[in-house]
Protein backbone atom coordinates (compact mmCIF):
# COMPACT_ATOMS: atom_id res chain seq x y z
CA UNK A 1 7.02 -50.65 34.26
CA UNK A 2 4.93 -53.59 33.09
CA UNK A 3 5.36 -54.66 29.48
CA UNK A 4 1.62 -55.19 29.03
CA UNK A 5 -1.32 -53.54 30.70
CA UNK A 6 -3.99 -55.53 32.49
CA UNK A 7 -6.44 -54.69 29.68
CA UNK A 8 -4.09 -56.23 27.11
CA UNK A 9 -3.60 -59.38 29.19
CA UNK A 10 -7.34 -59.80 29.76
CA UNK A 11 -7.97 -59.14 26.05
CA UNK A 12 -5.48 -61.85 25.09
CA UNK A 13 -7.09 -64.33 27.44
CA UNK A 14 -10.56 -63.36 26.19
CA UNK A 15 -9.35 -63.87 22.60
CA UNK A 16 -8.06 -67.35 23.38
CA UNK A 17 -11.18 -68.51 25.24
CA UNK A 18 -13.64 -66.95 22.77
CA UNK A 19 -11.89 -68.58 19.80
CA UNK A 20 -12.06 -71.93 21.56
CA UNK A 21 -15.77 -71.53 22.40
CA UNK A 22 -16.59 -70.52 18.81
CA UNK A 23 -14.69 -73.47 17.40
CA UNK A 24 -16.02 -76.16 19.75
CA UNK A 25 -19.41 -75.13 21.11
CA UNK A 26 -21.24 -72.73 18.79
CA UNK A 27 -23.40 -74.54 16.23
CA UNK A 28 -24.78 -71.44 14.48
CA UNK A 29 -23.99 -71.72 10.73
CA UNK A 30 -23.58 -67.94 10.53
CA UNK A 31 -20.56 -68.22 12.83
CA UNK A 32 -18.84 -71.21 11.22
CA UNK A 33 -16.19 -69.43 9.14
CA UNK A 34 -15.33 -66.72 11.68
CA UNK A 35 -11.82 -65.73 12.72
CA UNK A 36 -11.33 -63.45 15.71
CA UNK A 37 -8.59 -61.01 14.67
CA UNK A 38 -8.30 -58.69 17.67
CA UNK A 39 -9.87 -57.71 20.96
CA UNK A 40 -9.59 -54.18 22.33
CA UNK A 41 -10.43 -53.83 26.00
CA UNK A 42 -11.33 -50.55 27.64
CA UNK A 43 -9.05 -49.40 30.44
CA UNK A 44 -11.64 -50.20 33.10
CA UNK A 45 -12.27 -53.68 31.58
CA UNK A 46 -16.01 -53.00 31.22
CA UNK A 47 -16.15 -53.09 27.39
CA UNK A 48 -14.59 -55.44 24.87
CA UNK A 49 -14.54 -54.62 21.17
CA UNK A 50 -14.20 -57.90 19.31
CA UNK A 51 -12.98 -57.69 15.71
CA UNK A 52 -13.55 -60.60 13.33
CA UNK A 53 -13.26 -61.60 9.69
CA UNK A 54 -15.25 -64.05 7.62
CA UNK A 55 -14.39 -66.15 4.65
CA UNK A 56 -16.96 -66.35 1.95
CA UNK A 57 -19.36 -63.94 0.35
CA UNK A 58 -19.68 -60.26 1.29
CA UNK A 59 -23.10 -60.87 2.88
CA UNK A 60 -21.43 -63.17 5.42
CA UNK A 61 -20.33 -60.23 7.57
CA UNK A 62 -23.92 -59.07 8.14
CA UNK A 63 -24.99 -62.64 8.88
CA UNK A 64 -22.08 -63.02 11.29
CA UNK A 65 -22.99 -59.84 13.16
CA UNK A 66 -26.56 -61.12 13.50
CA UNK A 67 -25.22 -64.47 14.70
CA UNK A 68 -22.98 -62.81 17.28
CA UNK A 69 -25.82 -60.63 18.51
CA UNK A 70 -28.09 -63.65 18.95
CA UNK A 71 -25.35 -65.66 20.71
CA UNK A 72 -24.02 -62.77 22.84
CA UNK A 73 -25.75 -63.87 26.04
CA UNK A 74 -24.55 -67.45 25.70
CA UNK A 75 -21.01 -66.32 24.86
CA UNK A 76 -20.91 -63.95 27.80
CA UNK A 77 -22.06 -66.69 30.18
CA UNK A 78 -19.49 -69.19 28.86
CA UNK A 79 -16.69 -66.62 29.00
CA UNK A 80 -17.63 -65.54 32.53
CA UNK A 81 -17.36 -69.14 33.75
CA UNK A 82 -13.99 -69.76 32.13
CA UNK A 83 -12.33 -66.40 32.79
CA UNK A 84 -13.35 -65.93 36.40
CA UNK A 85 -13.31 -62.13 36.20
CA UNK A 86 -15.02 -60.05 38.85
CA UNK A 87 -16.92 -58.17 36.15
CA UNK A 88 -17.59 -59.58 32.69
CA UNK A 89 -17.14 -56.92 30.00
CA UNK A 90 -19.90 -56.00 27.57
CA UNK A 91 -19.18 -57.63 24.22
CA UNK A 92 -19.36 -55.55 21.05
CA UNK A 93 -18.69 -57.20 17.68
CA UNK A 94 -17.14 -55.41 14.70
CA UNK A 95 -16.15 -56.59 11.25
CA UNK A 96 -12.41 -56.09 10.69
CA UNK A 97 -12.03 -54.16 7.44
CA UNK A 98 -8.21 -54.34 7.43
CA UNK A 99 -8.03 -57.61 5.49
CA UNK A 100 -10.39 -56.32 2.78
CA UNK A 101 -8.37 -53.10 2.58
CA UNK A 102 -5.13 -55.10 2.31
CA UNK A 103 -6.59 -57.18 -0.54
CA UNK A 104 -7.67 -53.97 -2.28
CA UNK A 105 -4.17 -52.47 -1.96
CA UNK A 106 -2.70 -55.71 -3.31
CA UNK A 107 -4.97 -55.51 -6.37
CA UNK A 108 -4.00 -51.88 -6.95
CA UNK A 109 -0.30 -52.70 -6.76
CA UNK A 110 -0.72 -55.62 -9.18
CA UNK A 111 -2.58 -53.39 -11.64
CA UNK A 112 0.21 -50.79 -11.45
CA UNK A 113 2.85 -53.42 -12.23
CA UNK A 114 1.01 -54.40 -15.42
């Protein structure tokens, strides 16, 4: 039995390459303070759900989604060249709410301690 499925391995590689492309090649100011938190690949490797967080104001997540949607074609082309997959998955971008939820829980716990 393999410790990781092919989808998990491809997702990890996609995460690494996408983070590098965002850091070095994307000049869109809406995507400057983006952190890729997770990538969930479908079992057939045709869809990739990319989860991200932003630092800054709450409106930054909507701006980031717009930035990702406008750069999706470029990102897909760059990833296809570097990954060398037979089929490049469709990229879907989602804001990762878990960090906001964790901050909310932290605030609740601090208010209970007082």
